[in-house]
Amino acid sequence: QVQFVESGGGLVQPGGSLRLSCAASGFTFSNYAMRWYRQAPGKEREWVASISSDGGVTSYADSVKGRFTISRDNAKNTVYLQMDSLQLEDAAVYYCKTMAYRAWGQGTRVTVSS
């Protein structure tokens, strides 16, 4: 079945960086665009970034534009989110997903604190 396994979260100070990974399985990864979402405590889940199936087109929420970079490795069935200049407001559980399937992973928690 379709599965997503996110990793790479942790505790980081404001201004720091993290690189999240999401390993996908159960479908032909290279055929589908991928997205990262996040959900902070007490807030709705929100879209963060998208990448086309071949990696050639990316888009970002205004709140992360210029600080986050989405990328993918179709040979490894993995999508990444490089997060730089992290801010307190970036603290959340981060998830990856393709819109073609309903499945969600367990997410990876990012904590930003001094």
N, C-alpha and C. Protein backbone atom coordinates (compact mmCIF):
# COMPACT_ATOMS: atom_id res chain seq x y z
N GLN A 1 0.82 -1.18 0.00
CA GLN A 1 0.00 0.00 0.00
C GLN A 1 0.87 1.26 0.00
N VAL A 2 0.24 2.38 -0.28
CA VAL A 2 0.97 3.64 -0.32
C VAL A 2 1.42 4.02 1.08
N GLN A 3 2.71 4.35 1.20
CA GLN A 3 3.26 4.75 2.50
C GLN A 3 4.22 5.90 2.34
N PHE A 4 4.25 6.76 3.35
CA PHE A 4 5.21 7.85 3.44
C PHE A 4 5.87 7.79 4.81
N VAL A 5 7.19 7.85 4.82
CA VAL A 5 7.93 7.83 6.08
C VAL A 5 8.80 9.07 6.14
N GLU A 6 8.39 10.02 6.97
CA GLU A 6 9.11 11.27 7.11
C GLU A 6 10.17 11.14 8.21
N SER A 7 11.28 11.85 8.04
CA SER A 7 12.35 11.83 9.03
C SER A 7 13.15 13.12 8.94
N GLY A 8 14.01 13.34 9.91
CA GLY A 8 14.91 14.48 9.89
C GLY A 8 14.52 15.62 10.80
N GLY A 9 13.37 15.51 11.45
CA GLY A 9 12.97 16.56 12.37
C GLY A 9 13.83 16.57 13.62
N GLY A 10 13.64 17.60 14.43
CA GLY A 10 14.40 17.70 15.67
C GLY A 10 14.28 19.08 16.26
N LEU A 11 15.15 19.35 17.22
CA LEU A 11 15.18 20.63 17.91
C LEU A 11 16.27 21.50 17.28
N VAL A 12 15.92 22.71 16.95
CA VAL A 12 16.88 23.62 16.34
C VAL A 12 16.63 25.02 16.89
N GLN A 13 17.69 25.80 16.97
CA GLN A 13 17.56 27.19 17.43
C GLN A 13 17.06 28.07 16.29
N PRO A 14 16.43 29.19 16.62
CA PRO A 14 16.03 30.13 15.56
C PRO A 14 17.24 30.51 14.71
N GLY A 15 17.03 30.55 13.41
CA GLY A 15 18.12 30.82 12.48
C GLY A 15 18.83 29.58 12.00
N GLY A 16 18.55 28.46 12.60
CA GLY A 16 19.20 27.21 12.23
C GLY A 16 18.58 26.55 11.02
N SER A 17 19.10 25.36 10.69
CA SER A 17 18.66 24.62 9.50
C SER A 17 18.37 23.17 9.84
N LEU A 18 17.48 22.60 9.06
CA LEU A 18 17.19 21.16 9.11
C LEU A 18 16.88 20.69 7.70
N ARG A 19 17.13 19.43 7.45
CA ARG A 19 16.75 18.82 6.18
C ARG A 19 15.85 17.64 6.46
N LEU A 20 14.62 17.75 6.00
CA LEU A 20 13.66 16.67 6.16
C LEU A 20 13.69 15.75 4.94
N SER A 21 13.43 14.49 5.18
CA SER A 21 13.33 13.50 4.11
C SER A 21 11.99 12.78 4.21
N CYS A 22 11.51 12.33 3.07
CA CYS A 22 10.29 11.54 3.05
C CYS A 22 10.47 10.42 2.04
N ALA A 23 10.48 9.20 2.54
CA ALA A 23 10.60 8.02 1.68
C ALA A 23 9.21 7.51 1.34
N ALA A 24 8.93 7.41 0.05
CA ALA A 24 7.61 6.98 -0.42
C ALA A 24 7.68 5.57 -0.99
N SER A 25 6.58 4.83 -0.87
CA SER A 25 6.52 3.49 -1.42
C SER A 25 5.08 3.14 -1.76
N GLY A 26 4.91 2.11 -2.58
CA GLY A 26 3.58 1.63 -2.92
C GLY A 26 2.97 2.24 -4.16
N PHE A 27 3.71 3.10 -4.84
CA PHE A 27 3.24 3.69 -6.08
C PHE A 27 4.45 4.12 -6.91
N THR A 28 4.20 4.48 -8.16
CA THR A 28 5.29 4.89 -9.05
C THR A 28 5.64 6.34 -8.76
N PHE A 29 6.59 6.51 -7.87
CA PHE A 29 6.93 7.82 -7.31
C PHE A 29 7.23 8.84 -8.40
N SER A 30 7.97 8.45 -9.41
CA SER A 30 8.42 9.39 -10.43
C SER A 30 7.30 9.94 -11.30
N ASN A 31 6.10 9.38 -11.19
CA ASN A 31 4.96 9.84 -11.99
C ASN A 31 4.16 10.96 -11.34
N TYR A 32 4.46 11.26 -10.06
CA TYR A 32 3.59 12.14 -9.30
C TYR A 32 4.30 13.33 -8.68
N ALA A 33 3.60 14.47 -8.71
CA ALA A 33 4.05 15.61 -7.93
C ALA A 33 3.94 15.29 -6.45
N MET A 34 4.78 15.94 -5.67
CA MET A 34 4.79 15.73 -4.23
C MET A 34 4.64 17.06 -3.50
N ARG A 35 4.13 16.98 -2.29
CA ARG A 35 3.93 18.18 -1.49
C ARG A 35 4.42 17.95 -0.06
N TRP A 36 4.83 19.00 0.58
CA TRP A 36 5.06 19.02 2.02
C TRP A 36 3.96 19.87 2.66
N TYR A 37 3.48 19.38 3.80
CA TYR A 37 2.51 20.10 4.62
C TYR A 37 3.08 20.19 6.03
N ARG A 38 2.47 21.04 6.85
CA ARG A 38 2.84 21.09 8.26
C ARG A 38 1.60 21.44 9.10
N GLN A 39 1.67 21.02 10.36
CA GLN A 39 0.59 21.31 11.28
C GLN A 39 1.19 21.68 12.63
N ALA A 40 0.94 22.91 13.01
CA ALA A 40 1.39 23.40 14.32
C ALA A 40 0.31 23.11 15.35
N PRO A 41 0.68 23.05 16.62
CA PRO A 41 -0.31 22.77 17.67
C PRO A 41 -1.46 23.77 17.63
N GLY A 42 -2.68 23.25 17.62
CA GLY A 42 -3.85 24.10 17.65
C GLY A 42 -4.19 24.77 16.34
N LYS A 43 -3.48 24.42 15.27
CA LYS A 43 -3.73 25.05 13.97
C LYS A 43 -4.10 24.01 12.93
N GLU A 44 -4.66 24.48 11.83
CA GLU A 44 -4.99 23.60 10.71
C GLU A 44 -3.71 23.19 9.99
N ARG A 45 -3.78 22.02 9.36
CA ARG A 45 -2.66 21.60 8.53
C ARG A 45 -2.57 22.55 7.33
N GLU A 46 -1.36 22.96 6.98
CA GLU A 46 -1.19 23.90 5.87
C GLU A 46 -0.15 23.40 4.88
N TRP A 47 -0.37 23.77 3.63
CA TRP A 47 0.56 23.43 2.57
C TRP A 47 1.82 24.27 2.70
N VAL A 48 2.98 23.65 2.45
CA VAL A 48 4.26 24.33 2.57
C VAL A 48 4.94 24.48 1.21
N ALA A 49 5.03 23.37 0.47
CA ALA A 49 5.77 23.41 -0.80
C ALA A 49 5.34 22.25 -1.68
N SER A 50 5.54 22.43 -3.00
CA SER A 50 5.23 21.39 -3.98
C SER A 50 6.36 21.25 -4.96
N ILE A 51 6.46 20.07 -5.56
CA ILE A 51 7.45 19.83 -6.60
C ILE A 51 6.82 18.93 -7.65
N SER A 52 7.09 19.22 -8.92
CA SER A 52 6.53 18.43 -10.01
C SER A 52 7.18 17.05 -10.06
N SER A 53 6.63 16.19 -10.88
CA SER A 53 7.09 14.80 -10.92
C SER A 53 8.56 14.69 -11.33
N ASP A 54 9.02 15.58 -12.21
CA ASP A 54 10.42 15.52 -12.63
C ASP A 54 11.32 16.47 -11.87
N GLY A 55 10.75 17.19 -10.92
CA GLY A 55 11.53 18.12 -10.12
C GLY A 55 11.77 19.47 -10.76
N GLY A 56 11.23 19.68 -11.95
CA GLY A 56 11.54 20.90 -12.67
C GLY A 56 10.75 22.12 -12.24
N VAL A 57 9.64 21.90 -11.56
CA VAL A 57 8.79 23.02 -11.14
C VAL A 57 8.54 22.91 -9.65
N THR A 58 8.78 23.99 -8.93
CA THR A 58 8.54 24.02 -7.49
C THR A 58 7.70 25.26 -7.15
N SER A 59 7.01 25.16 -6.03
CA SER A 59 6.26 26.31 -5.53
C SER A 59 6.24 26.27 -4.01
N TYR A 60 6.05 27.45 -3.41
CA TYR A 60 6.18 27.57 -1.96
C TYR A 60 5.10 28.48 -1.39
N ALA A 61 4.73 28.19 -0.17
CA ALA A 61 3.88 29.13 0.57
C ALA A 61 4.68 30.40 0.82
N ASP A 62 3.98 31.52 0.87
CA ASP A 62 4.67 32.80 1.08
C ASP A 62 5.47 32.81 2.37
N SER A 63 4.99 32.10 3.37
CA SER A 63 5.64 32.12 4.69
C SER A 63 7.01 31.45 4.69
N VAL A 64 7.31 30.63 3.69
CA VAL A 64 8.60 29.91 3.67
C VAL A 64 9.42 30.25 2.44
N LYS A 65 8.87 31.01 1.52
CA LYS A 65 9.57 31.32 0.27
C LYS A 65 10.90 32.01 0.56
N GLY A 66 11.94 31.53 -0.09
CA GLY A 66 13.27 32.09 0.12
C GLY A 66 14.04 31.46 1.26
N ARG A 67 13.37 30.65 2.08
CA ARG A 67 14.03 29.99 3.21
C ARG A 67 14.04 28.47 3.07
N PHE A 68 13.00 27.92 2.45
CA PHE A 68 12.87 26.47 2.30
C PHE A 68 13.09 26.09 0.84
N THR A 69 13.64 24.88 0.63
CA THR A 69 13.84 24.36 -0.72
C THR A 69 13.37 22.92 -0.78
N ILE A 70 12.45 22.64 -1.69
CA ILE A 70 11.97 21.28 -1.90
C ILE A 70 12.74 20.67 -3.05
N SER A 71 13.07 19.39 -2.92
CA SER A 71 13.76 18.68 -3.99
C SER A 71 13.37 17.21 -3.93
N ARG A 72 13.76 16.45 -4.93
CA ARG A 72 13.41 15.03 -4.93
C ARG A 72 14.49 14.23 -5.65
N ASP A 73 14.54 12.95 -5.31
CA ASP A 73 15.43 12.00 -5.96
C ASP A 73 14.56 10.83 -6.38
N ASN A 74 14.20 10.79 -7.65
CA ASN A 74 13.28 9.75 -8.11
C ASN A 74 13.92 8.36 -8.08
N ALA A 75 15.22 8.29 -8.13
CA ALA A 75 15.89 6.98 -8.03
C ALA A 75 15.76 6.40 -6.62
N LYS A 76 15.57 7.27 -5.64
CA LYS A 76 15.46 6.83 -4.25
C LYS A 76 14.03 6.94 -3.72
N ASN A 77 13.09 7.34 -4.58
CA ASN A 77 11.69 7.51 -4.15
C ASN A 77 11.60 8.40 -2.91
N THR A 78 12.35 9.48 -2.92
CA THR A 78 12.45 10.33 -1.75
C THR A 78 12.29 11.80 -2.13
N VAL A 79 11.56 12.53 -1.29
CA VAL A 79 11.43 13.97 -1.44
C VAL A 79 12.03 14.62 -0.19
N TYR A 80 12.64 15.76 -0.39
CA TYR A 80 13.35 16.45 0.68
C TYR A 80 12.79 17.85 0.90
N LEU A 81 13.02 18.38 2.10
CA LEU A 81 12.71 19.77 2.38
C LEU A 81 13.88 20.34 3.17
N GLN A 82 14.66 21.19 2.51
CA GLN A 82 15.75 21.89 3.18
C GLN A 82 15.17 23.15 3.79
N MET A 83 15.33 23.29 5.09
CA MET A 83 14.75 24.41 5.81
C MET A 83 15.88 25.24 6.42
N ASP A 84 16.02 26.44 5.97
CA ASP A 84 17.05 27.36 6.47
C ASP A 84 16.40 28.55 7.16
N SER A 85 17.19 29.26 7.95
CA SER A 85 16.69 30.46 8.65
C SER A 85 15.39 30.16 9.38
N LEU A 86 15.38 29.06 10.10
CA LEU A 86 14.15 28.64 10.78
C LEU A 86 13.71 29.67 11.81
N GLN A 87 12.40 29.82 11.89
CA GLN A 87 11.79 30.77 12.81
C GLN A 87 10.89 30.01 13.78
N LEU A 88 10.56 30.68 14.89
CA LEU A 88 9.71 30.05 15.89
C LEU A 88 8.41 29.55 15.27
N GLU A 89 7.89 30.31 14.30
CA GLU A 89 6.61 29.96 13.67
C GLU A 89 6.70 28.73 12.78
N ASP A 90 7.91 28.24 12.51
CA ASP A 90 8.06 27.04 11.67
C ASP A 90 7.90 25.75 12.47
N ALA A 91 7.81 25.85 13.78
CA ALA A 91 7.64 24.66 14.61
C ALA A 91 6.31 23.99 14.29
N ALA A 92 6.39 22.70 13.96
CA ALA A 92 5.20 21.96 13.55
C ALA A 92 5.59 20.51 13.29
N VAL A 93 4.59 19.69 13.03
CA VAL A 93 4.84 18.36 12.49
C VAL A 93 4.73 18.47 10.97
N TYR A 94 5.73 17.98 10.28
CA TYR A 94 5.80 18.08 8.83
C TYR A 94 5.47 16.74 8.18
N TYR A 95 4.68 16.81 7.11
CA TYR A 95 4.22 15.63 6.40
C TYR A 95 4.48 15.79 4.91
N CYS A 96 4.72 14.68 4.23
CA CYS A 96 4.76 14.71 2.78
C CYS A 96 3.59 13.92 2.24
N LYS A 97 3.22 14.21 1.01
CA LYS A 97 2.05 13.56 0.41
C LYS A 97 2.01 13.82 -1.08
N THR A 98 1.38 12.89 -1.79
CA THR A 98 0.97 13.16 -3.15
C THR A 98 -0.55 13.23 -3.17
N MET A 99 -1.08 14.14 -3.95
CA MET A 99 -2.53 14.34 -3.97
C MET A 99 -3.26 13.18 -4.64
N ALA A 100 -2.51 12.30 -5.32
CA ALA A 100 -3.16 11.19 -6.01
C ALA A 100 -3.67 10.12 -5.05
N TYR A 101 -3.16 10.11 -3.84
CA TYR A 101 -3.55 9.09 -2.86
C TYR A 101 -3.91 9.74 -1.53
N ARG A 102 -4.76 9.07 -0.77
CA ARG A 102 -5.26 9.64 0.48
C ARG A 102 -4.31 9.46 1.65
N ALA A 103 -3.36 8.56 1.54
CA ALA A 103 -2.52 8.20 2.67
C ALA A 103 -1.68 9.38 3.16
N TRP A 104 -1.46 9.40 4.49
CA TRP A 104 -0.56 10.33 5.14
C TRP A 104 0.45 9.51 5.95
N GLY A 105 1.64 10.04 6.11
CA GLY A 105 2.62 9.41 6.98
C GLY A 105 2.42 9.87 8.42
N GLN A 106 3.36 9.47 9.28
CA GLN A 106 3.26 9.84 10.69
C GLN A 106 3.81 11.23 10.97
N GLY A 107 4.52 11.77 10.00
CA GLY A 107 5.09 13.10 10.16
C GLY A 107 6.40 13.08 10.93
N THR A 108 7.10 14.21 10.87
CA THR A 108 8.32 14.39 11.65
C THR A 108 8.23 15.76 12.33
N ARG A 109 8.56 15.79 13.60
CA ARG A 109 8.34 17.00 14.40
C ARG A 109 9.56 17.92 14.33
N VAL A 110 9.29 19.18 14.06
CA VAL A 110 10.32 20.22 14.09
C VAL A 110 10.01 21.17 15.23
N THR A 111 10.99 21.31 16.12
CA THR A 111 10.85 22.21 17.26
C THR A 111 11.89 23.32 17.11
N VAL A 112 11.44 24.56 17.15
CA VAL A 112 12.34 25.71 17.04
C VAL A 112 12.28 26.45 18.37
N SER A 113 13.40 26.46 19.05
CA SER A 113 13.42 27.07 20.38
C SER A 113 14.83 27.51 20.73
N SER A 114 14.92 28.60 21.45
CA SER A 114 16.23 29.06 21.90
C SER A 114 16.50 28.54 23.32
